[in-house]
Amino acid sequence: WEREKEEKERDREEGKRDDSGPSVELFYDDDETEENTPTPTNRTPTTTPTNRTKVISGDIDYNIEPDEIDAVLSKAQVLIVEDEPVNQNLAMMLLDEVGATYELAHNGQQCLEWLEKANFDIILMDRQMPVMDGIMATKALRTEAQWQTIPVIAVTANALIGDREECINAGMDDYVSKPIDAMILYKKMAYWIGIRETLDDDRLK
């Protein structure tokens, strides 16, 4: 205790002799230093510009007019990542209804292979699949610069808060629960495709 008291007294005296003004202590992440700390102008845009809490809690306003939904989705290139034939057929049927073009991947590994050879506006990602699940596939694709802004919507039977958080934290942008409500799916797809277009336009300026 006496040693601690002496150290405090010494620090106080040194502070009196320092005329440089108040000090500001900077805190950095493990991979940052004062020299390479990113500034607001050189930070990489986030893949989920909307507040993640709102996505998880379902507080986003997807108020999009039907005509706008049709206009966006009729031109959309969609990658379906799903291993169950029944769910594959349902997804394809729903996309046929709005005139979207799509390809099918049976697992996360095939998803990554498709991304290497074709461009997509959005990915509908099942969460649980063999070979590579949706969580692992999303984490993998988010490491590549060219796939940073492509929207990924989880299609999952698990609607619990913890499951939503896992999907969003892996890099997905949103989720829809099974059984799928067609209009909810359409609104979320149109919303996120619009967000992606805005991000890409900003990068080209």
C-alpha atoms as a PDB file:
ATOM      1  CA  TRP A   1       0.000   0.000   0.000  1.00  0.00           C
ATOM      2  CA  GLU A   2       2.855   2.372   0.899  1.00  0.00           C
ATOM      3  CA  ARG A   3       4.552   1.629  -2.455  1.00  0.00           C
ATOM      4  CA  GLU A   4       1.308   2.302  -4.345  1.00  0.00           C
ATOM      5  CA  LYS A   5       0.917   5.608  -2.481  1.00  0.00           C
ATOM      6  CA  GLU A   6       4.471   6.655  -3.381  1.00  0.00           C
ATOM      7  CA  GLU A   7       3.887   5.804  -7.063  1.00  0.00           C
ATOM      8  CA  LYS A   8       0.711   7.889  -7.147  1.00  0.00           C
ATOM      9  CA  GLU A   9       2.525  10.831  -5.571  1.00  0.00           C
ATOM     10  CA  ARG A  10       5.349  10.540  -8.128  1.00  0.00           C
ATOM     11  CA  ASP A  11       2.861  10.383 -11.022  1.00  0.00           C
ATOM     12  CA  ARG A  12       1.090  13.452  -9.666  1.00  0.00           C
ATOM     13  CA  GLU A  13       4.323  15.412  -9.511  1.00  0.00           C
ATOM     14  CA  GLU A  14       5.276  14.389 -13.063  1.00  0.00           C
ATOM     15  CA  GLY A  15       1.854  15.473 -14.242  1.00  0.00           C
ATOM     16  CA  LYS A  16       2.399  18.926 -12.768  1.00  0.00           C
ATOM     17  CA  ARG A  17       5.690  19.282 -14.689  1.00  0.00           C
ATOM     18  CA  ASP A  18       4.053  18.273 -18.000  1.00  0.00           C
ATOM     19  CA  ASP A  19       2.851  21.416 -19.790  1.00  0.00           C
ATOM     20  CA  SER A  20       1.892  19.678 -23.025  1.00  0.00           C
ATOM     21  CA  GLY A  21      -1.820  19.686 -22.173  1.00  0.00           C
ATOM     22  CA  PRO A  22      -4.266  16.818 -21.601  1.00  0.00           C
ATOM     23  CA  SER A  23      -3.326  13.445 -23.043  1.00  0.00           C
ATOM     24  CA  VAL A  24      -5.613  11.212 -25.114  1.00  0.00           C
ATOM     25  CA  GLU A  25      -5.161   7.471 -24.825  1.00  0.00           C
ATOM     26  CA  LEU A  26      -5.810   5.608 -28.102  1.00  0.00           C
ATOM     27  CA  PHE A  27      -7.036   2.039 -28.142  1.00  0.00           C
ATOM     28  CA  TYR A  28      -6.370  -0.255 -31.117  1.00  0.00           C
ATOM     29  CA  ASP A  29      -7.496  -3.671 -32.184  1.00  0.00           C
ATOM     30  CA  ASP A  30      -4.877  -6.413 -32.081  1.00  0.00           C
ATOM     31  CA  ASP A  31      -3.975  -5.889 -35.769  1.00  0.00           C
ATOM     32  CA  GLU A  32      -3.899  -2.086 -35.634  1.00  0.00           C
ATOM     33  CA  THR A  33      -1.228   0.403 -34.693  1.00  0.00           C
ATOM     34  CA  GLU A  34      -1.214   4.182 -34.586  1.00  0.00           C
ATOM     35  CA  GLU A  35       0.343   4.197 -38.066  1.00  0.00           C
ATOM     36  CA  ASN A  36      -2.121   1.891 -39.823  1.00  0.00           C
ATOM     37  CA  THR A  37      -5.372   2.646 -38.027  1.00  0.00           C
ATOM     38  CA  PRO A  38      -8.066   2.890 -40.744  1.00  0.00           C
ATOM     39  CA  THR A  39      -9.741   6.239 -41.261  1.00  0.00           C
ATOM     40  CA  PRO A  40     -13.400   6.659 -42.251  1.00  0.00           C
ATOM     41  CA  THR A  41     -12.302   7.266 -45.856  1.00  0.00           C
ATOM     42  CA  ASN A  42     -10.351   4.041 -46.310  1.00  0.00           C
ATOM     43  CA  ARG A  43     -12.410   1.539 -44.363  1.00  0.00           C
ATOM     44  CA  THR A  44     -13.915  -1.280 -46.392  1.00  0.00           C
ATOM     45  CA  PRO A  45     -17.721  -0.899 -46.658  1.00  0.00           C
ATOM     46  CA  THR A  46     -19.539  -3.417 -44.499  1.00  0.00           C
ATOM     47  CA  THR A  47     -21.473  -6.191 -46.163  1.00  0.00           C
ATOM     48  CA  THR A  48     -24.453  -5.458 -43.936  1.00  0.00           C
ATOM     49  CA  PRO A  49     -24.965  -1.686 -43.930  1.00  0.00           C
ATOM     50  CA  THR A  50     -28.204  -2.024 -42.021  1.00  0.00           C
ATOM     51  CA  ASN A  51     -27.950  -2.317 -38.263  1.00  0.00           C
ATOM     52  CA  ARG A  52     -27.453  -5.992 -37.421  1.00  0.00           C
ATOM     53  CA  THR A  53     -29.647  -5.719 -34.357  1.00  0.00           C
ATOM     54  CA  LYS A  54     -32.551  -4.678 -36.560  1.00  0.00           C
ATOM     55  CA  VAL A  55     -32.019  -7.670 -38.827  1.00  0.00           C
ATOM     56  CA  ILE A  56     -31.945 -10.097 -35.927  1.00  0.00           C
ATOM     57  CA  SER A  57     -34.964  -8.577 -34.209  1.00  0.00           C
ATOM     58  CA  GLY A  58     -36.922  -8.163 -37.440  1.00  0.00           C
ATOM     59  CA  ASP A  59     -37.215  -4.373 -37.180  1.00  0.00           C
ATOM     60  CA  ILE A  60     -36.229  -3.499 -40.766  1.00  0.00           C
ATOM     61  CA  ASP A  61     -38.911  -1.839 -42.852  1.00  0.00           C
ATOM     62  CA  TYR A  62     -39.159  -3.813 -46.112  1.00  0.00           C
ATOM     63  CA  ASN A  63     -41.904  -1.551 -47.420  1.00  0.00           C
ATOM     64  CA  ILE A  64     -41.367  -2.040 -51.156  1.00  0.00           C
ATOM     65  CA  GLU A  65     -44.098  -1.576 -53.734  1.00  0.00           C
ATOM     66  CA  PRO A  66     -45.139  -4.716 -55.689  1.00  0.00           C
ATOM     67  CA  ASP A  67     -44.205  -3.094 -59.006  1.00  0.00           C
ATOM     68  CA  GLU A  68     -40.723  -2.378 -57.695  1.00  0.00           C
ATOM     69  CA  ILE A  69     -40.356  -5.944 -56.433  1.00  0.00           C
ATOM     70  CA  ASP A  70     -41.327  -7.296 -59.854  1.00  0.00           C
ATOM     71  CA  ALA A  71     -38.941  -4.921 -61.630  1.00  0.00           C
ATOM     72  CA  VAL A  72     -35.983  -5.925 -59.430  1.00  0.00           C
ATOM     73  CA  LEU A  73     -36.572  -9.667 -59.266  1.00  0.00           C
ATOM     74  CA  SER A  74     -37.436 -10.139 -62.939  1.00  0.00           C
ATOM     75  CA  LYS A  75     -33.815  -9.180 -63.725  1.00  0.00           C
ATOM     76  CA  ALA A  76     -32.218 -10.969 -60.788  1.00  0.00           C
ATOM     77  CA  GLN A  77     -29.574 -13.670 -61.116  1.00  0.00           C
ATOM     78  CA  VAL A  78     -30.041 -15.921 -58.076  1.00  0.00           C
ATOM     79  CA  LEU A  79     -27.915 -18.721 -56.661  1.00  0.00           C
ATOM     80  CA  ILE A  80     -29.936 -21.271 -54.688  1.00  0.00           C
ATOM     81  CA  VAL A  81     -27.831 -23.244 -52.210  1.00  0.00           C
ATOM     82  CA  GLU A  82     -29.973 -26.106 -50.948  1.00  0.00           C
ATOM     83  CA  ASP A  83     -29.530 -29.895 -50.622  1.00  0.00           C
ATOM     84  CA  GLU A  84     -33.129 -31.061 -50.130  1.00  0.00           C
ATOM     85  CA  PRO A  85     -34.971 -31.756 -53.425  1.00  0.00           C
ATOM     86  CA  VAL A  86     -38.336 -30.611 -52.065  1.00  0.00           C
ATOM     87  CA  ASN A  87     -36.907 -27.284 -50.926  1.00  0.00           C
ATOM     88  CA  GLN A  88     -34.982 -26.920 -54.184  1.00  0.00           C
ATOM     89  CA  ASN A  89     -38.178 -27.306 -56.181  1.00  0.00           C
ATOM     90  CA  LEU A  90     -40.041 -24.855 -53.956  1.00  0.00           C
ATOM     91  CA  ALA A  91     -37.321 -22.216 -54.322  1.00  0.00           C
ATOM     92  CA  MET A  92     -37.228 -22.643 -58.085  1.00  0.00           C
ATOM     93  CA  MET A  93     -41.017 -22.399 -58.285  1.00  0.00           C
ATOM     94  CA  LEU A  94     -41.046 -19.174 -56.275  1.00  0.00           C
ATOM     95  CA  LEU A  95     -38.338 -17.646 -58.454  1.00  0.00           C
ATOM     96  CA  ASP A  96     -40.131 -18.739 -61.628  1.00  0.00           C
ATOM     97  CA  GLU A  97     -43.175 -16.810 -60.412  1.00  0.00           C
ATOM     98  CA  VAL A  98     -41.249 -13.523 -60.544  1.00  0.00           C
ATOM     99  CA  GLY A  99     -39.208 -14.283 -63.643  1.00  0.00           C
ATOM    100  CA  ALA A 100     -35.827 -14.538 -61.898  1.00  0.00           C
ATOM    101  CA  THR A 101     -32.944 -16.493 -63.393  1.00  0.00           C
ATOM    102  CA  TYR A 102     -31.240 -18.991 -61.102  1.00  0.00           C
ATOM    103  CA  GLU A 103     -28.664 -21.730 -60.686  1.00  0.00           C
ATOM    104  CA  LEU A 104     -28.619 -24.517 -58.118  1.00  0.00           C
ATOM    105  CA  ALA A 105     -25.837 -25.568 -55.756  1.00  0.00           C
ATOM    106  CA  HIS A 106     -26.341 -28.623 -53.555  1.00  0.00           C
ATOM    107  CA  ASN A 107     -23.946 -27.540 -50.803  1.00  0.00           C
ATOM    108  CA  GLY A 108     -21.622 -24.753 -49.717  1.00  0.00           C
ATOM    109  CA  GLN A 109     -18.679 -26.086 -51.717  1.00  0.00           C
ATOM    110  CA  GLN A 110     -20.703 -25.999 -54.927  1.00  0.00           C
ATOM    111  CA  CYS A 111     -21.795 -22.485 -54.007  1.00  0.00           C
ATOM    112  CA  LEU A 112     -18.170 -21.319 -53.997  1.00  0.00           C
ATOM    113  CA  GLU A 113     -17.554 -23.111 -57.297  1.00  0.00           C
ATOM    114  CA  TRP A 114     -20.529 -21.356 -58.906  1.00  0.00           C
ATOM    115  CA  LEU A 115     -19.305 -17.976 -57.695  1.00  0.00           C
ATOM    116  CA  GLU A 116     -15.983 -18.583 -59.432  1.00  0.00           C
ATOM    117  CA  LYS A 117     -17.633 -18.961 -62.833  1.00  0.00           C
ATOM    118  CA  ALA A 118     -20.765 -16.771 -62.786  1.00  0.00           C
ATOM    119  CA  ASN A 119     -22.116 -13.509 -61.382  1.00  0.00           C
ATOM    120  CA  PHE A 120     -25.132 -13.432 -59.092  1.00  0.00           C
ATOM    121  CA  ASP A 121     -27.230 -10.648 -57.595  1.00  0.00           C
ATOM    122  CA  ILE A 122     -28.144 -12.613 -54.480  1.00  0.00           C
ATOM    123  CA  ILE A 123     -27.685 -15.978 -52.765  1.00  0.00           C
ATOM    124  CA  LEU A 124     -30.384 -17.987 -50.995  1.00  0.00           C
ATOM    125  CA  MET A 125     -28.368 -20.068 -48.531  1.00  0.00           C
ATOM    126  CA  ASP A 126     -29.609 -23.108 -46.644  1.00  0.00           C
ATOM    127  CA  ARG A 127     -28.025 -23.331 -43.207  1.00  0.00           C
ATOM    128  CA  GLN A 128     -27.550 -27.083 -42.790  1.00  0.00           C
ATOM    129  CA  MET A 129     -26.060 -29.051 -45.700  1.00  0.00           C
ATOM    130  CA  PRO A 130     -23.545 -31.858 -46.214  1.00  0.00           C
ATOM    131  CA  VAL A 131     -19.935 -31.275 -47.377  1.00  0.00           C
ATOM    132  CA  MET A 132     -20.031 -27.576 -46.393  1.00  0.00           C
ATOM    133  CA  ASP A 133     -22.886 -25.911 -44.542  1.00  0.00           C
ATOM    134  CA  GLY A 134     -24.234 -22.408 -45.102  1.00  0.00           C
ATOM    135  CA  ILE A 135     -22.329 -20.857 -42.204  1.00  0.00           C
ATOM    136  CA  MET A 136     -18.964 -22.120 -43.444  1.00  0.00           C
ATOM    137  CA  ALA A 137     -19.729 -21.198 -47.054  1.00  0.00           C
ATOM    138  CA  THR A 138     -20.686 -17.643 -46.122  1.00  0.00           C
ATOM    139  CA  LYS A 139     -17.568 -17.145 -44.017  1.00  0.00           C
ATOM    140  CA  ALA A 140     -15.476 -18.429 -46.920  1.00  0.00           C
ATOM    141  CA  LEU A 141     -17.036 -16.227 -49.590  1.00  0.00           C
ATOM    142  CA  ARG A 142     -16.791 -13.117 -47.405  1.00  0.00           C
ATOM    143  CA  THR A 143     -13.003 -13.471 -47.419  1.00  0.00           C
ATOM    144  CA  GLU A 144     -12.956 -12.686 -51.147  1.00  0.00           C
ATOM    145  CA  ALA A 145     -13.097  -9.009 -52.147  1.00  0.00           C
ATOM    146  CA  GLN A 146     -15.288  -9.596 -55.203  1.00  0.00           C
ATOM    147  CA  TRP A 147     -17.999 -11.214 -53.071  1.00  0.00           C
ATOM    148  CA  GLN A 148     -18.087  -8.686 -50.239  1.00  0.00           C
ATOM    149  CA  THR A 149     -21.318  -6.986 -51.301  1.00  0.00           C
ATOM    150  CA  ILE A 150     -23.324  -9.894 -52.706  1.00  0.00           C
ATOM    151  CA  PRO A 151     -26.377 -10.341 -50.460  1.00  0.00           C
ATOM    152  CA  VAL A 152     -26.761 -13.692 -48.710  1.00  0.00           C
ATOM    153  CA  ILE A 153     -30.147 -14.578 -47.267  1.00  0.00           C
ATOM    154  CA  ALA A 154     -30.264 -17.557 -44.923  1.00  0.00           C
ATOM    155  CA  VAL A 155     -33.125 -19.954 -45.535  1.00  0.00           C
ATOM    156  CA  THR A 156     -33.512 -21.804 -42.273  1.00  0.00           C
ATOM    157  CA  ALA A 157     -35.973 -23.816 -40.248  1.00  0.00           C
ATOM    158  CA  ASN A 158     -34.418 -22.355 -37.101  1.00  0.00           C
ATOM    159  CA  ALA A 159     -36.023 -19.016 -36.266  1.00  0.00           C
ATOM    160  CA  LEU A 160     -34.605 -18.619 -32.765  1.00  0.00           C
ATOM    161  CA  ILE A 161     -32.648 -15.464 -31.931  1.00  0.00           C
ATOM    162  CA  GLY A 162     -29.431 -17.433 -31.416  1.00  0.00           C
ATOM    163  CA  ASP A 163     -29.705 -19.037 -34.847  1.00  0.00           C
ATOM    164  CA  ARG A 164     -30.347 -15.666 -36.473  1.00  0.00           C
ATOM    165  CA  GLU A 165     -27.315 -14.200 -34.743  1.00  0.00           C
ATOM    166  CA  GLU A 166     -25.119 -17.051 -35.944  1.00  0.00           C
ATOM    167  CA  CYS A 167     -26.209 -16.470 -39.541  1.00  0.00           C
ATOM    168  CA  ILE A 168     -25.718 -12.694 -39.395  1.00  0.00           C
ATOM    169  CA  ASN A 169     -22.379 -12.973 -37.596  1.00  0.00           C
ATOM    170  CA  ALA A 170     -21.156 -15.385 -40.283  1.00  0.00           C
ATOM    171  CA  GLY A 171     -21.674 -12.642 -42.866  1.00  0.00           C
ATOM    172  CA  MET A 172     -25.223 -13.261 -44.047  1.00  0.00           C
ATOM    173  CA  ASP A 173     -27.407 -10.215 -44.560  1.00  0.00           C
ATOM    174  CA  ASP A 174     -30.824 -11.554 -43.582  1.00  0.00           C
ATOM    175  CA  TYR A 175     -32.864 -14.707 -43.143  1.00  0.00           C
ATOM    176  CA  VAL A 176     -36.214 -16.239 -44.017  1.00  0.00           C
ATOM    177  CA  SER A 177     -37.775 -19.021 -42.015  1.00  0.00           C
ATOM    178  CA  LYS A 178     -39.172 -22.278 -43.351  1.00  0.00           C
ATOM    179  CA  PRO A 179     -41.912 -22.772 -44.379  1.00  0.00           C
ATOM    180  CA  ILE A 180     -41.211 -19.851 -46.689  1.00  0.00           C
ATOM    181  CA  ASP A 181     -43.665 -16.984 -46.982  1.00  0.00           C
ATOM    182  CA  ALA A 182     -43.338 -15.984 -50.650  1.00  0.00           C
ATOM    183  CA  MET A 183     -44.024 -12.270 -50.180  1.00  0.00           C
ATOM    184  CA  ILE A 184     -41.569 -11.967 -47.289  1.00  0.00           C
ATOM    185  CA  LEU A 185     -38.915 -13.656 -49.419  1.00  0.00           C
ATOM    186  CA  TYR A 186     -39.612 -11.375 -52.395  1.00  0.00           C
ATOM    187  CA  LYS A 187     -39.470  -8.209 -50.291  1.00  0.00           C
ATOM    188  CA  LYS A 188     -36.207  -9.173 -48.622  1.00  0.00           C
ATOM    189  CA  MET A 189     -34.617 -10.165 -51.918  1.00  0.00           C
ATOM    190  CA  ALA A 190     -35.604  -6.871 -53.580  1.00  0.00           C
ATOM    191  CA  TYR A 191     -34.454  -4.886 -50.555  1.00  0.00           C
ATOM    192  CA  TRP A 192     -30.988  -6.416 -50.402  1.00  0.00           C
ATOM    193  CA  ILE A 193     -30.410  -6.363 -54.146  1.00  0.00           C
ATOM    194  CA  GLY A 194     -31.127  -2.641 -53.978  1.00  0.00           C
ATOM    195  CA  ILE A 195     -28.658  -2.223 -51.102  1.00  0.00           C
ATOM    196  CA  ARG A 196     -26.000  -4.105 -53.069  1.00  0.00           C
ATOM    197  CA  GLU A 197     -26.512  -1.891 -56.126  1.00  0.00           C
ATOM    198  CA  THR A 198     -26.106   1.217 -53.971  1.00  0.00           C
ATOM    199  CA  LEU A 199     -22.856  -0.066 -52.448  1.00  0.00           C
ATOM    200  CA  ASP A 200     -21.433  -0.997 -55.858  1.00  0.00           C
ATOM    201  CA  ASP A 201     -22.413   2.372 -57.337  1.00  0.00           C
ATOM    202  CA  ASP A 202     -20.641   4.151 -54.464  1.00  0.00           C
ATOM    203  CA  ARG A 203     -17.470   2.145 -55.050  1.00  0.00           C
ATOM    204  CA  LEU A 204     -17.396   3.167 -58.728  1.00  0.00           C
ATOM    205  CA  LYS A 205     -17.590   6.916 -57.964  1.00  0.00           C
END
